[in-house]
């Protein structure tokens, strides 16, 4: 019976430890595709001295236990696939300003292939509380033409636990 009590106690401790880890939820906004792409350009007076053109891509997120950003090209018809010779970056900042985010060094290069839709996911985006602002930037193959998407707001919150189970450790 003592061995049975030991295993019951160990299992109870493990379940409690796992439940205390908590779950992070990433709330995205917008969560559906915007009806249009950014219609203005970011001028060369941006913090990094580069200009970024709007009107090419838009982005939205999916709320859940990971960062999930879906990118689509604007417009319809042929010639709207992502180009394989351009460079694509997911950028973020803690400041909700398009020029600041576009110029941010906080970035991850992505490779969307040649389709018209791409979803970027990250199960460990590096924050479990607070808010970050994300956008996609593209540098065309000429190296000087740059584009940007709308900003997606992502707020993280972590639950303290899923509940602490009770384990009966009484001797029988």
Protein backbone atom coordinates (compact mmCIF):
# COMPACT_ATOMS: atom_id res chain seq x y z
CA UNK A 1 0.00 0.00 0.00
CA UNK A 2 2.87 2.38 0.70
CA UNK A 3 4.10 1.99 -2.89
CA UNK A 4 0.61 2.78 -4.18
CA UNK A 5 0.50 5.92 -2.00
CA UNK A 6 3.93 6.91 -3.30
CA UNK A 7 2.84 6.68 -6.95
CA UNK A 8 -0.40 8.53 -6.20
CA UNK A 9 1.58 11.33 -4.57
CA UNK A 10 4.12 11.54 -7.42
CA UNK A 11 1.38 11.64 -10.05
CA UNK A 12 -0.43 14.35 -8.08
CA UNK A 13 2.74 16.45 -7.89
CA UNK A 14 3.38 16.08 -11.64
CA UNK A 15 -0.20 17.01 -12.57
CA UNK A 16 -0.02 20.04 -10.26
CA UNK A 17 3.31 21.16 -11.74
CA UNK A 18 2.01 20.90 -15.30
CA UNK A 19 -1.18 22.80 -14.45
CA UNK A 20 0.82 25.66 -12.92
CA UNK A 21 2.66 26.29 -16.18
CA UNK A 22 -0.36 28.10 -17.60
CA UNK A 23 -1.46 28.67 -21.17
CA UNK A 24 -0.68 31.76 -23.24
CA UNK A 25 -3.38 33.07 -25.55
CA UNK A 26 -2.46 35.41 -28.40
CA UNK A 27 -5.36 37.68 -29.36
CA UNK A 28 -4.99 39.13 -32.86
CA UNK A 29 -6.69 42.14 -34.43
CA UNK A 30 -7.86 42.14 -37.15
CA UNK A 31 -8.92 38.47 -37.24
CA UNK A 32 -10.35 38.61 -40.75
CA UNK A 33 -8.84 39.81 -43.98
CA UNK A 34 -9.01 43.61 -44.23
CA UNK A 35 -11.15 44.80 -47.13
CA UNK A 36 -8.25 46.78 -48.57
CA UNK A 37 -4.50 47.14 -48.44
CA UNK A 38 -2.76 50.20 -46.97
CA UNK A 39 -3.49 53.04 -49.38
CA UNK A 40 -0.72 55.40 -48.31
CA UNK A 41 3.03 55.10 -48.57
CA UNK A 42 5.58 55.42 -45.77
CA UNK A 43 7.90 58.23 -46.94
CA UNK A 44 11.69 58.37 -46.81
CA UNK A 45 11.32 60.51 -43.67
CA UNK A 46 10.72 57.22 -41.82
CA UNK A 47 13.05 56.42 -38.88
CA UNK A 48 15.31 54.37 -41.16
CA UNK A 49 15.23 56.76 -44.14
CA UNK A 50 13.54 54.20 -46.42
CA UNK A 51 10.19 54.45 -48.16
CA UNK A 52 7.60 51.66 -48.22
CA UNK A 53 4.71 51.43 -50.67
CA UNK A 54 1.21 50.36 -49.68
CA UNK A 55 -1.36 48.63 -51.84
CA UNK A 56 0.31 45.23 -52.35
CA UNK A 57 -0.36 42.99 -49.32
CA UNK A 58 -2.68 42.73 -46.32
CA UNK A 59 -2.48 40.63 -43.20
CA UNK A 60 -4.72 39.34 -40.41
CA UNK A 61 -4.29 37.02 -37.43
CA UNK A 62 -5.97 34.02 -35.82
CA UNK A 63 -6.44 34.10 -32.05
CA UNK A 64 -5.12 31.04 -30.23
CA UNK A 65 -2.11 29.58 -28.42
CA UNK A 66 0.41 30.79 -31.05
CA UNK A 67 1.22 33.77 -33.20
CA UNK A 68 -0.59 33.17 -36.49
CA UNK A 69 -0.51 35.73 -39.31
CA UNK A 70 -2.13 35.18 -42.71
CA UNK A 71 -0.83 37.25 -45.61
CA UNK A 72 -2.66 37.75 -48.92
CA UNK A 73 -1.88 39.75 -52.01
CA UNK A 74 -4.32 42.53 -52.92
CA UNK A 75 -6.36 42.57 -56.07
CA UNK A 76 -7.31 39.70 -58.28
CA UNK A 77 -6.18 38.14 -61.52
CA UNK A 78 -2.89 36.80 -62.77
CA UNK A 79 0.49 38.08 -61.69
CA UNK A 80 -0.44 38.36 -58.02
CA UNK A 81 1.63 35.47 -56.71
CA UNK A 82 4.38 36.13 -54.21
CA UNK A 83 7.66 36.50 -56.05
CA UNK A 84 10.43 34.05 -55.28
CA UNK A 85 13.14 36.69 -55.83
CA UNK A 86 11.80 39.20 -53.28
CA UNK A 87 12.64 39.21 -49.56
CA UNK A 88 9.81 38.96 -47.03
CA UNK A 89 10.02 39.92 -43.35
CA UNK A 90 7.58 39.74 -40.47
CA UNK A 91 8.49 42.76 -38.32
CA UNK A 92 7.25 43.84 -34.92
CA UNK A 93 7.47 46.67 -32.43
CA UNK A 94 5.90 47.61 -29.12
CA UNK A 95 4.94 50.94 -30.72
CA UNK A 96 1.84 51.10 -32.92
CA UNK A 97 3.32 53.21 -35.71
CA UNK A 98 3.63 51.84 -39.25
CA UNK A 99 6.93 53.61 -40.01
CA UNK A 100 8.47 52.44 -36.72
CA UNK A 101 7.42 48.85 -37.34
CA UNK A 102 8.58 48.89 -40.99
CA UNK A 103 12.02 50.11 -39.86
CA UNK A 104 12.25 47.75 -36.87
CA UNK A 105 15.21 45.40 -36.56
CA UNK A 106 12.89 42.94 -34.77
CA UNK A 107 12.22 40.72 -37.76
CA UNK A 108 11.94 37.19 -39.06
CA UNK A 109 12.54 36.40 -42.71
CA UNK A 110 9.84 34.22 -44.24
CA UNK A 111 9.65 32.34 -47.51
CA UNK A 112 6.04 32.33 -48.75
CA UNK A 113 6.74 30.53 -52.02
CA UNK A 114 4.86 31.56 -55.12
CA UNK A 115 1.20 31.33 -54.03
CA UNK A 116 -1.23 34.14 -53.27
CA UNK A 117 -1.78 33.28 -49.58
CA UNK A 118 0.70 32.42 -46.82
CA UNK A 119 0.25 31.78 -43.10
CA UNK A 120 3.15 32.36 -40.73
CA UNK A 121 2.93 30.67 -37.32
CA UNK A 122 5.19 30.80 -34.31
CA UNK A 123 4.46 28.78 -31.17
CA UNK A 124 7.05 30.72 -29.16
CA UNK A 125 7.01 34.36 -30.31
CA UNK A 126 9.05 35.55 -27.32
CA UNK A 127 6.38 37.20 -25.17
CA UNK A 128 3.67 35.90 -22.86
CA UNK A 129 2.10 39.20 -21.78
CA UNK A 130 1.62 42.65 -23.23
CA UNK A 131 1.08 43.80 -26.82
CA UNK A 132 3.16 43.81 -29.98
CA UNK A 133 2.38 45.23 -33.40
CA UNK A 134 3.25 43.18 -36.49
CA UNK A 135 3.48 43.85 -40.21
CA UNK A 136 4.95 42.29 -43.31
CA UNK A 137 7.57 44.15 -45.33
CA UNK A 138 8.76 43.09 -48.76
CA UNK A 139 11.94 44.14 -50.51
CA UNK A 140 11.63 43.60 -54.25
CA UNK A 141 14.38 41.92 -56.22
CA UNK A 142 15.73 45.33 -57.32
CA UNK A 143 16.74 45.90 -53.67
CA UNK A 144 15.24 49.37 -53.45
CA UNK A 145 11.47 48.97 -53.86
CA UNK A 146 9.79 48.12 -50.56
CA UNK A 147 6.18 47.35 -49.62
CA UNK A 148 4.34 47.01 -46.34
CA UNK A 149 1.12 45.48 -45.03
CA UNK A 150 -1.38 46.78 -42.52
CA UNK A 151 -0.53 46.43 -38.83
CA UNK A 152 -1.83 43.45 -36.84
CA UNK A 153 -2.12 43.98 -33.08
CA UNK A 154 -1.26 40.91 -31.00
CA UNK A 155 -1.90 40.85 -27.25
CA UNK A 156 -0.63 38.00 -25.09
CA UNK A 157 -2.10 36.85 -21.81
CA UNK A 158 -1.12 33.84 -19.76
CA UNK A 159 -3.52 32.06 -17.45
CA UNK A 160 -2.12 31.25 -14.03
CA UNK A 161 -3.21 27.64 -14.27
CA UNK A 162 -5.82 25.29 -15.61
CA UNK A 163 -6.85 24.40 -12.07
CA UNK A 164 -5.06 22.43 -9.41
CA UNK A 165 -6.42 18.90 -9.10
CA UNK A 166 -6.78 17.31 -5.69
CA UNK A 167 -5.23 13.93 -5.05
CA UNK A 168 -6.31 11.64 -2.27
CA UNK A 169 -3.15 10.52 -0.52
CA UNK A 170 -4.81 8.91 2.50
CA UNK A 171 -3.52 5.46 3.48
CA UNK A 172 -5.80 2.51 2.93
